[in-house]
């Protein structure tokens, strides 16, 4: 194998390694974004559950008031 061929192969290897690193970083970024999104959704769900619970209790109290007036 000639020196030129070795240099050419090394160049190709370096190029492929750079592409792999770029893809890995891209995947990490996307996974991080998705994780943060899911984390936010969980917090939003918890907030909505608490609000729903309060509203149901308020509805129950109002129904009791209406029953008492009849």
N, C-alpha and C. Protein backbone atom coordinates (compact mmCIF):
# COMPACT_ATOMS: atom_id res chain seq x y z
N UNK A 1 0.85 -1.17 0.00
CA UNK A 1 0.00 0.00 0.00
C UNK A 1 0.90 1.24 0.00
N UNK A 2 0.55 2.19 -0.81
CA UNK A 2 1.37 3.38 -0.95
C UNK A 2 1.05 4.37 0.17
N UNK A 3 1.96 5.26 0.42
CA UNK A 3 1.78 6.30 1.43
C UNK A 3 0.55 7.14 1.11
N UNK A 4 0.39 7.43 -0.18
CA UNK A 4 -0.75 8.24 -0.61
C UNK A 4 -2.08 7.56 -0.23
N UNK A 5 -2.15 6.26 -0.43
CA UNK A 5 -3.36 5.50 -0.09
C UNK A 5 -3.62 5.52 1.42
N UNK A 6 -2.56 5.39 2.19
CA UNK A 6 -2.68 5.41 3.66
C UNK A 6 -3.19 6.77 4.12
N UNK A 7 -2.63 7.83 3.55
CA UNK A 7 -3.05 9.18 3.91
C UNK A 7 -4.52 9.39 3.54
N UNK A 8 -4.89 8.90 2.35
CA UNK A 8 -6.26 9.03 1.88
C UNK A 8 -7.23 8.28 2.81
N UNK A 9 -6.84 7.07 3.24
CA UNK A 9 -7.68 6.29 4.15
C UNK A 9 -7.78 6.97 5.52
N UNK A 10 -6.67 7.51 6.00
CA UNK A 10 -6.69 8.21 7.29
C UNK A 10 -7.60 9.43 7.23
N UNK A 11 -7.57 10.12 6.12
CA UNK A 11 -8.42 11.29 5.93
C UNK A 11 -9.89 10.86 5.96
N UNK A 12 -10.19 9.77 5.26
CA UNK A 12 -11.56 9.26 5.23
C UNK A 12 -12.01 8.81 6.63
N UNK A 13 -11.12 8.16 7.35
CA UNK A 13 -11.43 7.72 8.73
C UNK A 13 -11.73 8.93 9.61
N UNK A 14 -10.91 9.96 9.51
CA UNK A 14 -11.12 11.17 10.31
C UNK A 14 -12.46 11.83 9.97
N UNK A 15 -12.77 11.87 8.69
CA UNK A 15 -14.04 12.45 8.26
C UNK A 15 -15.21 11.66 8.85
N UNK A 16 -15.14 10.35 8.78
CA UNK A 16 -16.20 9.51 9.32
C UNK A 16 -16.30 9.64 10.83
N UNK A 17 -15.19 9.73 11.51
CA UNK A 17 -15.19 9.90 12.96
C UNK A 17 -15.85 11.23 13.34
N UNK A 18 -15.56 12.27 12.56
CA UNK A 18 -16.19 13.58 12.82
C UNK A 18 -17.70 13.51 12.61
N UNK A 19 -18.12 12.81 11.57
CA UNK A 19 -19.56 12.67 11.32
C UNK A 19 -20.24 11.91 12.45
N UNK A 20 -19.58 10.86 12.92
CA UNK A 20 -20.13 10.08 14.03
C UNK A 20 -20.27 10.95 15.27
N UNK A 21 -19.24 11.73 15.56
CA UNK A 21 -19.29 12.61 16.73
C UNK A 21 -20.42 13.64 16.59
N UNK A 22 -20.58 14.18 15.40
CA UNK A 22 -21.65 15.15 15.16
C UNK A 22 -23.01 14.50 15.37
N UNK A 23 -23.19 13.29 14.86
CA UNK A 23 -24.46 12.58 15.04
C UNK A 23 -24.72 12.26 16.51
N UNK A 24 -23.68 11.84 17.22
CA UNK A 24 -23.83 11.54 18.65
C UNK A 24 -24.27 12.79 19.41
N UNK A 25 -23.65 13.92 19.12
CA UNK A 25 -24.01 15.16 19.79
C UNK A 25 -25.43 15.59 19.46
N UNK A 26 -25.81 15.39 18.21
CA UNK A 26 -27.17 15.72 17.80
C UNK A 26 -28.19 14.86 18.54
N UNK A 27 -27.90 13.59 18.65
CA UNK A 27 -28.79 12.67 19.36
C UNK A 27 -28.88 13.06 20.83
N UNK A 28 -27.75 13.39 21.45
CA UNK A 28 -27.75 13.81 22.85
C UNK A 28 -28.60 15.05 23.04
N UNK A 29 -28.46 16.01 22.13
CA UNK A 29 -29.25 17.25 22.23
C UNK A 29 -30.74 16.96 22.12
N UNK A 30 -31.11 16.12 21.17
CA UNK A 30 -32.52 15.80 20.98
C UNK A 30 -33.08 15.04 22.18
N UNK A 31 -32.29 14.11 22.71
CA UNK A 31 -32.75 13.36 23.89
C UNK A 31 -32.93 14.29 25.08
N UNK A 32 -32.02 15.24 25.25
CA UNK A 32 -32.12 16.20 26.35
C UNK A 32 -33.37 17.05 26.19
N UNK A 33 -33.61 17.54 24.98
CA UNK A 33 -34.80 18.35 24.73
C UNK A 33 -36.08 17.57 25.02
N UNK A 34 -36.10 16.32 24.58
CA UNK A 34 -37.27 15.47 24.81
C UNK A 34 -37.47 15.20 26.29
N UNK A 35 -36.37 14.97 27.02
CA UNK A 35 -36.44 14.73 28.46
C UNK A 35 -37.02 15.95 29.18
N UNK A 36 -36.52 17.13 28.84
CA UNK A 36 -37.00 18.36 29.46
C UNK A 36 -38.48 18.57 29.13
N UNK A 37 -38.86 18.26 27.90
CA UNK A 37 -40.26 18.39 27.50
C UNK A 37 -41.14 17.47 28.34
N UNK A 38 -40.72 16.22 28.50
CA UNK A 38 -41.49 15.26 29.28
C UNK A 38 -41.55 15.67 30.74
N UNK A 39 -40.45 16.20 31.24
CA UNK A 39 -40.40 16.66 32.62
C UNK A 39 -41.41 17.79 32.83
N UNK A 40 -41.48 18.69 31.87
CA UNK A 40 -42.45 19.79 31.92
C UNK A 40 -43.88 19.28 31.85
N UNK A 41 -44.11 18.27 31.03
CA UNK A 41 -45.45 17.70 30.92
C UNK A 41 -45.87 17.08 32.24
N UNK A 42 -44.96 16.43 32.91
CA UNK A 42 -45.27 15.81 34.20
C UNK A 42 -45.65 16.88 35.22
N UNK A 43 -44.90 17.97 35.25
CA UNK A 43 -45.22 19.06 36.17
C UNK A 43 -46.58 19.66 35.84
N UNK A 44 -46.86 19.82 34.57
CA UNK A 44 -48.15 20.37 34.13
C UNK A 44 -49.28 19.43 34.52
N UNK A 45 -49.08 18.12 34.34
CA UNK A 45 -50.10 17.14 34.72
C UNK A 45 -50.38 17.19 36.21
N UNK A 46 -49.33 17.30 37.02
CA UNK A 46 -49.51 17.37 38.46
C UNK A 46 -50.30 18.63 38.84
N UNK A 47 -49.97 19.74 38.21
CA UNK A 47 -50.68 20.99 38.49
C UNK A 47 -52.15 20.87 38.12
N UNK A 48 -52.42 20.27 36.96
CA UNK A 48 -53.80 20.10 36.52
C UNK A 48 -54.58 19.15 37.42
N UNK A 49 -53.93 18.11 37.92
CA UNK A 49 -54.60 17.17 38.83
C UNK A 49 -55.00 17.88 40.12
N UNK A 50 -54.09 18.70 40.64
CA UNK A 50 -54.41 19.44 41.88
C UNK A 50 -55.55 20.41 41.64
N UNK A 51 -55.51 21.11 40.53
CA UNK A 51 -56.58 22.06 40.21
C UNK A 51 -57.91 21.34 40.04
N UNK A 52 -57.89 20.20 39.37
CA UNK A 52 -59.09 19.40 39.17
C UNK A 52 -59.67 18.95 40.51
N UNK A 53 -58.80 18.52 41.41
CA UNK A 53 -59.24 18.06 42.73
C UNK A 53 -59.92 19.21 43.49
N UNK A 54 -59.33 20.40 43.43
CA UNK A 54 -59.92 21.56 44.11
C UNK A 54 -61.28 21.91 43.51
N UNK A 55 -61.36 21.87 42.17
CA UNK A 55 -62.62 22.20 41.51
C UNK A 55 -63.72 21.18 41.83
N UNK A 56 -63.35 19.92 41.91
CA UNK A 56 -64.34 18.89 42.27
C UNK A 56 -64.85 19.09 43.69
N UNK A 57 -63.94 19.44 44.59
CA UNK A 57 -64.34 19.71 45.97
C UNK A 57 -65.28 20.92 46.02
N UNK A 58 -64.96 21.94 45.24
CA UNK A 58 -65.80 23.15 45.20
C UNK A 58 -67.19 22.81 44.65
N UNK A 59 -67.24 21.99 43.61
CA UNK A 59 -68.53 21.56 43.02
C UNK A 59 -69.34 20.80 44.07
N UNK A 60 -68.67 19.93 44.80
CA UNK A 60 -69.35 19.14 45.84
C UNK A 60 -69.94 20.07 46.89
N UNK A 61 -69.16 21.06 47.33
CA UNK A 61 -69.64 22.01 48.33
C UNK A 61 -70.84 22.81 47.80
N UNK A 62 -70.76 23.24 46.56
CA UNK A 62 -71.86 24.01 45.97
C UNK A 62 -73.12 23.17 45.85
N UNK A 63 -72.96 21.90 45.49
CA UNK A 63 -74.12 21.00 45.40
C UNK A 63 -74.78 20.84 46.77
N UNK A 64 -73.95 20.76 47.82
CA UNK A 64 -74.47 20.65 49.18
C UNK A 64 -75.26 21.89 49.56
N UNK A 65 -74.74 23.04 49.17
CA UNK A 65 -75.42 24.30 49.46
C UNK A 65 -76.78 24.34 48.75
N UNK A 66 -76.79 23.90 47.49
CA UNK A 66 -78.04 23.90 46.71
C UNK A 66 -79.03 22.92 47.34
N UNK A 67 -78.56 21.76 47.78
CA UNK A 67 -79.44 20.76 48.43
C UNK A 67 -80.05 21.35 49.70
N UNK A 68 -79.24 22.09 50.45
CA UNK A 68 -79.70 22.67 51.70
C UNK A 68 -80.76 23.73 51.51
N UNK A 69 -80.77 24.38 50.36
CA UNK A 69 -81.73 25.43 50.08
C UNK A 69 -83.09 24.86 49.66
N UNK A 70 -83.13 23.62 49.18
CA UNK A 70 -84.40 23.02 48.71
C UNK A 70 -85.29 22.67 49.83
